Every structure is written in C-alpha cells, then in structure tokens.
Amino acid sequence: MTDPISPPRLPRPEEVREALGFVPLVEAYFRRAQAEMPDRLREIFRSHGLTGRHGAVIPQLTVESALSVSELADRMGMSLPTASELVGDLSRAGLVERREDPADRRRTLVSLAPDQRAMVEGFVALRAAPLLRVLDNLSPSDRQGFVAGLIAWAHEVRNW
C-alpha cells in the first residue's frame, strides 16, 4: 500500500501579497543599474546601443576568468546564437575579448577586457553588495532556501 501524495501547499494570501509587494522594488533596483554605472561605462553602453541584456553577461565574466560562448549561453539560459550576438556587441564596445581556446580551437573563450576589468568588477561589486549582505546574514538553511527560491524564480521567468 502506498502513501497518498499530499497536494503542494499553496501560499497563503498574505504571503502572496507580501511577495508581490517586493517585485516592483526589485524591478526598480535593476532599472537603476544604468544610473549607478561609472560615467565611462554608461557612455560605452550609450554609444554602442547596449542594453540590460548585454549588462546581464558582464557579472558572469567577473566570477570566471574566461567562459566559452556556449557555457555563457547555458548559464544565462539563452540560445548559442543569442549569446554569440551579445558577446559580439560587447566585444565591439571593447568590454570583452574573444579568443580561441588553446585546448580546443573550435571553442571561443570570452573574458573581460583587461583595461575595463577593474571598472566593471567595481560596478558589479557595488550592484551585488546588497544581495551579498543578505546572504551573509542568513543562516545556512535560510541561505539555501533563498538561493533555491531565486533559482526557481529565474527558471520560471526564463521559460515564460
């Protein structure tokens, strides 16, 4: 005899109201990104027509010294052609460099341009600071739940 499967617990109305109340705050935080950019970075974005989609690539390259275009596409949940297009735009703007992978010449590796690295890393650190403070102040189990929730939300939004 098998145990009956219990239905998933739906959020209580007050939990839904509270969660939905935070969405505009998070959205406003992301919209402010360009205003908080160093002047030089803002000018690069403006003069090359770069958008938030391009900006989303940059933090991926601050935590790794180099990523292949396909690794970048996988991490960001986008197609290889889209990732390649974004990297091409960022390369033309001088923010990233593309080079052949010495271990596999069929792969293209992408990294932050050395002359832009300090500026970009400083900006990403500034923007990441609130999230990193929150993670630092959570218990290990709360941190795990918070990160799991962010991952689930990102997957849901990505597939919408």
N, C-alpha and C. Protein backbone atom coordinates (compact mmCIF):
# COMPACT_ATOMS: atom_id res chain seq x y z
N MET A 1 0.84 -1.18 0.00
CA MET A 1 0.00 0.00 0.00
C MET A 1 0.89 1.25 0.00
N THR A 2 0.59 2.17 -0.87
CA THR A 2 1.40 3.38 -0.96
C THR A 2 0.75 4.51 -0.19
N ASP A 3 1.57 5.43 0.26
CA ASP A 3 1.06 6.61 0.96
C ASP A 3 0.45 7.56 -0.05
N PRO A 4 -0.66 8.18 0.32
CA PRO A 4 -1.23 9.17 -0.61
C PRO A 4 -0.28 10.36 -0.73
N ILE A 5 -0.23 10.90 -1.89
CA ILE A 5 0.62 12.07 -2.13
C ILE A 5 -0.17 13.30 -1.71
N SER A 6 0.44 14.07 -0.84
CA SER A 6 -0.26 15.27 -0.39
C SER A 6 -0.08 16.37 -1.43
N PRO A 7 -1.13 17.18 -1.62
CA PRO A 7 -1.03 18.26 -2.62
C PRO A 7 -0.03 19.31 -2.15
N PRO A 8 0.56 20.03 -3.08
CA PRO A 8 1.51 21.07 -2.67
C PRO A 8 0.80 22.16 -1.87
N ARG A 9 1.51 22.71 -0.92
CA ARG A 9 0.94 23.79 -0.11
C ARG A 9 0.96 25.07 -0.94
N LEU A 10 -0.19 25.65 -1.09
CA LEU A 10 -0.28 26.92 -1.80
C LEU A 10 0.05 28.05 -0.83
N PRO A 11 0.66 29.12 -1.32
CA PRO A 11 0.96 30.24 -0.42
C PRO A 11 -0.33 30.84 0.14
N ARG A 12 -0.22 31.29 1.36
CA ARG A 12 -1.35 32.00 1.99
C ARG A 12 -1.50 33.36 1.31
N PRO A 13 -2.72 33.91 1.31
CA PRO A 13 -2.92 35.23 0.65
C PRO A 13 -1.96 36.30 1.15
N GLU A 14 -1.66 36.32 2.45
CA GLU A 14 -0.75 37.34 2.96
C GLU A 14 0.68 37.12 2.45
N GLU A 15 1.05 35.87 2.22
CA GLU A 15 2.38 35.60 1.65
C GLU A 15 2.44 36.08 0.20
N VAL A 16 1.36 35.87 -0.52
CA VAL A 16 1.30 36.32 -1.92
C VAL A 16 1.39 37.85 -1.96
N ARG A 17 0.59 38.53 -1.12
CA ARG A 17 0.62 40.00 -1.10
C ARG A 17 2.02 40.51 -0.77
N GLU A 18 2.66 39.90 0.22
CA GLU A 18 3.99 40.35 0.63
C GLU A 18 5.01 40.13 -0.50
N ALA A 19 4.98 38.94 -1.09
CA ALA A 19 5.93 38.64 -2.18
C ALA A 19 5.71 39.57 -3.36
N LEU A 20 4.45 39.76 -3.76
CA LEU A 20 4.16 40.63 -4.90
C LEU A 20 4.53 42.08 -4.61
N GLY A 21 4.48 42.46 -3.35
CA GLY A 21 4.87 43.82 -2.98
C GLY A 21 6.35 44.09 -3.20
N PHE A 22 7.15 43.04 -3.16
CA PHE A 22 8.59 43.22 -3.34
C PHE A 22 9.01 43.23 -4.81
N VAL A 23 8.20 42.68 -5.69
CA VAL A 23 8.58 42.61 -7.10
C VAL A 23 8.87 44.00 -7.68
N PRO A 24 8.02 45.01 -7.47
CA PRO A 24 8.34 46.34 -8.02
C PRO A 24 9.62 46.93 -7.43
N LEU A 25 9.92 46.61 -6.17
CA LEU A 25 11.16 47.12 -5.57
C LEU A 25 12.38 46.51 -6.24
N VAL A 26 12.31 45.22 -6.50
CA VAL A 26 13.43 44.54 -7.17
C VAL A 26 13.56 45.06 -8.59
N GLU A 27 12.43 45.23 -9.26
CA GLU A 27 12.45 45.75 -10.63
C GLU A 27 13.08 47.14 -10.67
N ALA A 28 12.69 48.00 -9.73
CA ALA A 28 13.25 49.36 -9.68
C ALA A 28 14.76 49.31 -9.42
N TYR A 29 15.18 48.38 -8.59
CA TYR A 29 16.61 48.22 -8.32
C TYR A 29 17.36 47.91 -9.62
N PHE A 30 16.83 47.03 -10.43
CA PHE A 30 17.51 46.68 -11.68
C PHE A 30 17.44 47.82 -12.69
N ARG A 31 16.35 48.58 -12.71
CA ARG A 31 16.26 49.71 -13.62
C ARG A 31 17.28 50.80 -13.28
N ARG A 32 17.66 50.90 -12.00
CA ARG A 32 18.63 51.92 -11.58
C ARG A 32 20.06 51.59 -11.99
N ALA A 33 20.29 50.41 -12.46
CA ALA A 33 21.66 49.97 -12.75
C ALA A 33 22.40 50.96 -13.63
N GLN A 34 21.78 51.41 -14.71
CA GLN A 34 22.48 52.29 -15.63
C GLN A 34 22.81 53.63 -14.97
N ALA A 35 21.93 54.12 -14.12
CA ALA A 35 22.20 55.39 -13.43
C ALA A 35 23.35 55.26 -12.45
N GLU A 36 23.59 54.06 -11.95
CA GLU A 36 24.66 53.85 -10.98
C GLU A 36 25.99 53.45 -11.63
N MET A 37 25.99 53.31 -12.94
CA MET A 37 27.22 52.94 -13.65
C MET A 37 28.24 54.06 -13.55
N PRO A 38 29.51 53.69 -13.55
CA PRO A 38 30.53 54.74 -13.70
C PRO A 38 30.29 55.45 -15.04
N ASP A 39 30.60 56.73 -15.08
CA ASP A 39 30.34 57.52 -16.29
C ASP A 39 30.91 56.87 -17.54
N ARG A 40 32.13 56.36 -17.44
CA ARG A 40 32.78 55.75 -18.61
C ARG A 40 31.99 54.53 -19.09
N LEU A 41 31.52 53.69 -18.18
CA LEU A 41 30.76 52.51 -18.56
C LEU A 41 29.41 52.90 -19.15
N ARG A 42 28.75 53.88 -18.54
CA ARG A 42 27.47 54.37 -19.06
C ARG A 42 27.63 54.88 -20.49
N GLU A 43 28.71 55.60 -20.74
CA GLU A 43 28.96 56.13 -22.08
C GLU A 43 29.21 55.00 -23.08
N ILE A 44 29.92 53.97 -22.67
CA ILE A 44 30.13 52.81 -23.55
C ILE A 44 28.78 52.18 -23.89
N PHE A 45 27.94 51.98 -22.89
CA PHE A 45 26.62 51.39 -23.14
C PHE A 45 25.82 52.28 -24.09
N ARG A 46 25.80 53.58 -23.82
CA ARG A 46 25.02 54.50 -24.64
C ARG A 46 25.52 54.54 -26.08
N SER A 47 26.82 54.73 -26.25
CA SER A 47 27.36 54.92 -27.60
C SER A 47 27.32 53.65 -28.46
N HIS A 48 27.24 52.48 -27.82
CA HIS A 48 27.19 51.23 -28.57
C HIS A 48 25.80 50.59 -28.56
N GLY A 49 24.82 51.29 -28.00
CA GLY A 49 23.45 50.77 -28.00
C GLY A 49 23.29 49.50 -27.17
N LEU A 50 24.08 49.38 -26.10
CA LEU A 50 23.99 48.19 -25.25
C LEU A 50 22.80 48.33 -24.30
N THR A 51 22.22 47.20 -23.94
CA THR A 51 21.02 47.18 -23.10
C THR A 51 21.25 46.31 -21.87
N GLY A 52 20.20 46.13 -21.10
CA GLY A 52 20.26 45.27 -19.92
C GLY A 52 20.63 43.84 -20.26
N ARG A 53 20.25 43.39 -21.44
CA ARG A 53 20.63 42.02 -21.85
C ARG A 53 22.14 41.90 -21.95
N HIS A 54 22.78 42.94 -22.46
CA HIS A 54 24.24 42.94 -22.53
C HIS A 54 24.82 43.00 -21.12
N GLY A 55 24.21 43.85 -20.30
CA GLY A 55 24.67 44.00 -18.93
C GLY A 55 24.59 42.72 -18.13
N ALA A 56 23.64 41.86 -18.45
CA ALA A 56 23.49 40.59 -17.73
C ALA A 56 24.66 39.64 -17.99
N VAL A 57 25.35 39.82 -19.10
CA VAL A 57 26.50 38.97 -19.42
C VAL A 57 27.69 39.30 -18.51
N ILE A 58 27.84 40.57 -18.20
CA ILE A 58 29.04 41.06 -17.51
C ILE A 58 29.29 40.40 -16.16
N PRO A 59 28.29 40.26 -15.28
CA PRO A 59 28.59 39.61 -13.99
C PRO A 59 29.09 38.17 -14.14
N GLN A 60 28.62 37.49 -15.18
CA GLN A 60 29.09 36.12 -15.41
C GLN A 60 30.60 36.08 -15.63
N LEU A 61 31.12 37.16 -16.23
CA LEU A 61 32.54 37.20 -16.56
C LEU A 61 33.40 37.76 -15.43
N THR A 62 32.77 38.23 -14.36
CA THR A 62 33.56 38.72 -13.23
C THR A 62 33.91 37.59 -12.28
N VAL A 63 33.14 36.51 -12.30
CA VAL A 63 33.40 35.38 -11.40
C VAL A 63 34.27 34.32 -12.03
N GLU A 64 34.43 34.35 -13.32
CA GLU A 64 35.27 33.39 -14.04
C GLU A 64 36.28 34.19 -14.87
N SER A 65 37.46 33.66 -15.00
CA SER A 65 38.45 34.38 -15.81
C SER A 65 38.08 34.34 -17.28
N ALA A 66 37.48 33.23 -17.72
CA ALA A 66 37.04 33.11 -19.11
C ALA A 66 35.97 32.03 -19.19
N LEU A 67 35.03 32.24 -20.07
CA LEU A 67 33.97 31.27 -20.34
C LEU A 67 33.86 31.09 -21.84
N SER A 68 33.47 29.90 -22.26
CA SER A 68 33.17 29.73 -23.68
C SER A 68 31.80 30.36 -23.93
N VAL A 69 31.53 30.67 -25.17
CA VAL A 69 30.24 31.25 -25.52
C VAL A 69 29.12 30.28 -25.19
N SER A 70 29.36 28.98 -25.40
CA SER A 70 28.31 28.00 -25.08
C SER A 70 28.09 27.89 -23.57
N GLU A 71 29.15 28.00 -22.77
CA GLU A 71 28.98 28.00 -21.31
C GLU A 71 28.17 29.22 -20.87
N LEU A 72 28.46 30.34 -21.47
CA LEU A 72 27.74 31.57 -21.17
C LEU A 72 26.26 31.41 -21.53
N ALA A 73 25.98 30.85 -22.69
CA ALA A 73 24.59 30.62 -23.11
C ALA A 73 23.88 29.70 -22.12
N ASP A 74 24.55 28.63 -21.71
CA ASP A 74 23.94 27.70 -20.75
C ASP A 74 23.66 28.38 -19.42
N ARG A 75 24.61 29.13 -18.90
CA ARG A 75 24.43 29.81 -17.62
C ARG A 75 23.29 30.81 -17.65
N MET A 76 23.12 31.44 -18.78
CA MET A 76 22.12 32.50 -18.87
C MET A 76 20.80 32.01 -19.45
N GLY A 77 20.75 30.72 -19.80
CA GLY A 77 19.50 30.16 -20.31
C GLY A 77 19.07 30.75 -21.63
N MET A 78 20.04 30.97 -22.52
CA MET A 78 19.72 31.55 -23.82
C MET A 78 20.33 30.69 -24.92
N SER A 79 19.92 30.92 -26.13
CA SER A 79 20.46 30.15 -27.25
C SER A 79 21.90 30.58 -27.53
N LEU A 80 22.63 29.68 -28.16
CA LEU A 80 24.01 29.97 -28.54
C LEU A 80 24.09 31.18 -29.48
N PRO A 81 23.21 31.29 -30.49
CA PRO A 81 23.27 32.48 -31.36
C PRO A 81 23.04 33.78 -30.59
N THR A 82 22.12 33.77 -29.63
CA THR A 82 21.86 34.98 -28.85
C THR A 82 23.09 35.35 -28.02
N ALA A 83 23.67 34.35 -27.34
CA ALA A 83 24.87 34.61 -26.53
C ALA A 83 25.99 35.13 -27.42
N SER A 84 26.16 34.54 -28.58
CA SER A 84 27.20 34.96 -29.51
C SER A 84 26.98 36.40 -29.97
N GLU A 85 25.73 36.76 -30.23
CA GLU A 85 25.41 38.13 -30.65
C GLU A 85 25.73 39.12 -29.53
N LEU A 86 25.34 38.80 -28.30
CA LEU A 86 25.62 39.69 -27.17
C LEU A 86 27.12 39.85 -26.96
N VAL A 87 27.85 38.75 -27.04
CA VAL A 87 29.30 38.79 -26.87
C VAL A 87 29.93 39.62 -27.99
N GLY A 88 29.45 39.46 -29.21
CA GLY A 88 29.96 40.25 -30.33
C GLY A 88 29.76 41.74 -30.09
N ASP A 89 28.57 42.12 -29.62
CA ASP A 89 28.30 43.53 -29.33
C ASP A 89 29.21 44.05 -28.22
N LEU A 90 29.37 43.25 -27.16
CA LEU A 90 30.24 43.65 -26.05
C LEU A 90 31.71 43.74 -26.48
N SER A 91 32.09 42.88 -27.40
CA SER A 91 33.46 42.91 -27.93
C SER A 91 33.69 44.17 -28.76
N ARG A 92 32.74 44.51 -29.61
CA ARG A 92 32.86 45.74 -30.42
C ARG A 92 32.90 46.97 -29.53
N ALA A 93 32.24 46.90 -28.38
CA ALA A 93 32.24 48.03 -27.43
C ALA A 93 33.52 48.06 -26.60
N GLY A 94 34.35 47.03 -26.73
CA GLY A 94 35.62 46.99 -26.00
C GLY A 94 35.51 46.51 -24.56
N LEU A 95 34.37 45.94 -24.18
CA LEU A 95 34.20 45.46 -22.80
C LEU A 95 34.68 44.04 -22.59
N VAL A 96 34.63 43.24 -23.65
CA VAL A 96 35.10 41.85 -23.54
C VAL A 96 36.06 41.54 -24.68
N GLU A 97 36.81 40.49 -24.46
CA GLU A 97 37.71 39.99 -25.51
C GLU A 97 37.31 38.56 -25.82
N ARG A 98 37.40 38.23 -27.10
CA ARG A 98 37.17 36.86 -27.54
C ARG A 98 38.51 36.31 -28.03
N ARG A 99 38.75 35.06 -27.67
CA ARG A 99 39.97 34.42 -28.17
C ARG A 99 39.73 32.93 -28.35
N GLU A 100 40.52 32.35 -29.18
CA GLU A 100 40.43 30.93 -29.43
C GLU A 100 40.91 30.17 -28.21
N ASP A 101 40.21 29.11 -27.85
CA ASP A 101 40.62 28.26 -26.74
C ASP A 101 41.85 27.47 -27.19
N PRO A 102 43.00 27.63 -26.52
CA PRO A 102 44.20 26.91 -26.95
C PRO A 102 44.05 25.39 -26.86
N ALA A 103 43.17 24.92 -25.98
CA ALA A 103 42.97 23.47 -25.82
C ALA A 103 41.99 22.91 -26.86
N ASP A 104 41.16 23.75 -27.44
CA ASP A 104 40.17 23.32 -28.42
C ASP A 104 39.87 24.50 -29.32
N ARG A 105 40.48 24.54 -30.45
CA ARG A 105 40.39 25.70 -31.35
C ARG A 105 38.98 25.96 -31.89
N ARG A 106 38.07 25.00 -31.69
CA ARG A 106 36.69 25.22 -32.15
C ARG A 106 35.92 26.09 -31.17
N ARG A 107 36.44 26.21 -29.95
CA ARG A 107 35.76 26.99 -28.90
C ARG A 107 36.29 28.41 -28.85
N THR A 108 35.39 29.33 -28.60
CA THR A 108 35.77 30.73 -28.39
C THR A 108 35.62 31.04 -26.91
N LEU A 109 36.67 31.56 -26.30
CA LEU A 109 36.63 31.96 -24.90
C LEU A 109 36.39 33.46 -24.81
N VAL A 110 35.62 33.84 -23.82
CA VAL A 110 35.26 35.24 -23.61
C VAL A 110 35.72 35.64 -22.22
N SER A 111 36.32 36.81 -22.13
CA SER A 111 36.72 37.35 -20.82
C SER A 111 36.56 38.87 -20.86
N LEU A 112 36.56 39.46 -19.67
CA LEU A 112 36.51 40.92 -19.62
C LEU A 112 37.79 41.48 -20.22
N ALA A 113 37.68 42.58 -20.93
CA ALA A 113 38.86 43.24 -21.48
C ALA A 113 39.72 43.72 -20.31
N PRO A 114 41.02 43.44 -20.33
CA PRO A 114 41.87 43.81 -19.19
C PRO A 114 41.80 45.29 -18.82
N ASP A 115 41.70 46.16 -19.81
CA ASP A 115 41.66 47.60 -19.49
C ASP A 115 40.30 48.06 -18.94
N GLN A 116 39.31 47.19 -18.98
CA GLN A 116 37.98 47.51 -18.46
C GLN A 116 37.66 46.72 -17.18
N ARG A 117 38.48 45.72 -16.88
CA ARG A 117 38.18 44.78 -15.79
C ARG A 117 37.95 45.49 -14.45
N ALA A 118 38.83 46.36 -14.03
CA ALA A 118 38.70 47.00 -12.71
C ALA A 118 37.40 47.81 -12.63
N MET A 119 37.09 48.57 -13.67
CA MET A 119 35.88 49.37 -13.68
C MET A 119 34.64 48.47 -13.61
N VAL A 120 34.61 47.43 -14.43
CA VAL A 120 33.46 46.54 -14.49
C VAL A 120 33.31 45.76 -13.18
N GLU A 121 34.41 45.24 -12.65
CA GLU A 121 34.34 44.49 -11.39
C GLU A 121 33.87 45.39 -10.24
N GLY A 122 34.32 46.64 -10.23
CA GLY A 122 33.88 47.58 -9.20
C GLY A 122 32.39 47.84 -9.29
N PHE A 123 31.88 48.00 -10.49
CA PHE A 123 30.45 48.23 -10.69
C PHE A 123 29.63 47.00 -10.28
N VAL A 124 30.08 45.83 -10.69
CA VAL A 124 29.36 44.60 -10.33
C VAL A 124 29.39 44.40 -8.81
N ALA A 125 30.51 44.70 -8.17
CA ALA A 125 30.60 44.57 -6.71
C ALA A 125 29.62 45.52 -6.02
N LEU A 126 29.54 46.74 -6.52
CA LEU A 126 28.60 47.72 -5.97
C LEU A 126 27.17 47.22 -6.09
N ARG A 127 26.81 46.72 -7.26
CA ARG A 127 25.44 46.25 -7.50
C ARG A 127 25.14 44.96 -6.75
N ALA A 128 26.14 44.11 -6.53
CA ALA A 128 25.93 42.83 -5.84
C ALA A 128 25.94 42.97 -4.33
N ALA A 129 26.45 44.08 -3.82
CA ALA A 129 26.63 44.23 -2.37
C ALA A 129 25.36 43.98 -1.56
N PRO A 130 24.19 44.52 -1.94
CA PRO A 130 23.00 44.25 -1.12
C PRO A 130 22.67 42.75 -1.05
N LEU A 131 22.76 42.06 -2.17
CA LEU A 131 22.47 40.63 -2.19
C LEU A 131 23.48 39.86 -1.35
N LEU A 132 24.75 40.21 -1.49
CA LEU A 132 25.78 39.51 -0.72
C LEU A 132 25.63 39.76 0.78
N ARG A 133 25.21 40.97 1.18
CA ARG A 133 24.96 41.25 2.60
C ARG A 133 23.81 40.39 3.12
N VAL A 134 22.75 40.29 2.32
CA VAL A 134 21.62 39.46 2.72
C VAL A 134 22.06 38.01 2.90
N LEU A 135 22.78 37.48 1.93
CA LEU A 135 23.24 36.09 2.02
C LEU A 135 24.12 35.88 3.24
N ASP A 136 24.97 36.85 3.53
CA ASP A 136 25.88 36.74 4.66
C ASP A 136 25.13 36.72 5.99
N ASN A 137 23.99 37.40 6.05
CA ASN A 137 23.24 37.49 7.30
C ASN A 137 22.23 36.36 7.50
N LEU A 138 22.06 35.50 6.52
CA LEU A 138 21.12 34.40 6.65
C LEU A 138 21.80 33.18 7.25
N SER A 139 21.03 32.37 7.93
CA SER A 139 21.56 31.09 8.41
C SER A 139 21.84 30.22 7.19
N PRO A 140 22.67 29.20 7.33
CA PRO A 140 22.94 28.33 6.17
C PRO A 140 21.66 27.74 5.55
N SER A 141 20.71 27.32 6.37
CA SER A 141 19.49 26.74 5.79
C SER A 141 18.62 27.81 5.13
N ASP A 142 18.54 29.01 5.73
CA ASP A 142 17.79 30.10 5.10
C ASP A 142 18.46 30.53 3.80
N ARG A 143 19.79 30.57 3.79
CA ARG A 143 20.54 30.94 2.58
C ARG A 143 20.24 29.94 1.47
N GLN A 144 20.26 28.66 1.83
CA GLN A 144 19.98 27.61 0.84
C GLN A 144 18.57 27.77 0.28
N GLY A 145 17.60 28.05 1.14
CA GLY A 145 16.23 28.25 0.69
C GLY A 145 16.08 29.49 -0.16
N PHE A 146 16.76 30.57 0.23
CA PHE A 146 16.70 31.82 -0.52
C PHE A 146 17.27 31.62 -1.92
N VAL A 147 18.43 31.00 -2.00
CA VAL A 147 19.06 30.76 -3.31
C VAL A 147 18.20 29.82 -4.14
N ALA A 148 17.63 28.79 -3.52
CA ALA A 148 16.75 27.88 -4.25
C ALA A 148 15.54 28.64 -4.81
N GLY A 149 15.01 29.56 -4.01
CA GLY A 149 13.88 30.36 -4.47
C GLY A 149 14.25 31.26 -5.64
N LEU A 150 15.42 31.90 -5.55
CA LEU A 150 15.87 32.75 -6.66
C LEU A 150 16.07 31.94 -7.93
N ILE A 151 16.67 30.76 -7.79
CA ILE A 151 16.88 29.89 -8.96
C ILE A 151 15.54 29.49 -9.57
N ALA A 152 14.60 29.09 -8.72
CA ALA A 152 13.28 28.68 -9.22
C ALA A 152 12.59 29.84 -9.93
N TRP A 153 12.68 31.04 -9.34
CA TRP A 153 12.05 32.22 -9.95
C TRP A 153 12.71 32.52 -11.30
N ALA A 154 14.04 32.48 -11.34
CA ALA A 154 14.75 32.75 -12.59
C ALA A 154 14.35 31.75 -13.68
N HIS A 155 14.25 30.47 -13.33
CA HIS A 155 13.83 29.46 -14.31
C HIS A 155 12.41 29.71 -14.79
N GLU A 156 11.54 30.07 -13.87
CA GLU A 156 10.14 30.34 -14.22
C GLU A 156 10.05 31.55 -15.16
N VAL A 157 10.75 32.62 -14.83
CA VAL A 157 10.72 33.83 -15.66
C VAL A 157 11.34 33.55 -17.03
N ARG A 158 12.42 32.79 -17.04
CA ARG A 158 13.12 32.48 -18.28
C ARG A 158 12.22 31.68 -19.23
N ASN A 159 11.38 30.81 -18.68
CA ASN A 159 10.53 29.95 -19.51
C ASN A 159 9.16 30.56 -19.79
N TRP A 160 8.92 31.76 -19.35
CA TRP A 160 7.61 32.39 -19.52
C TRP A 160 7.44 33.00 -20.86
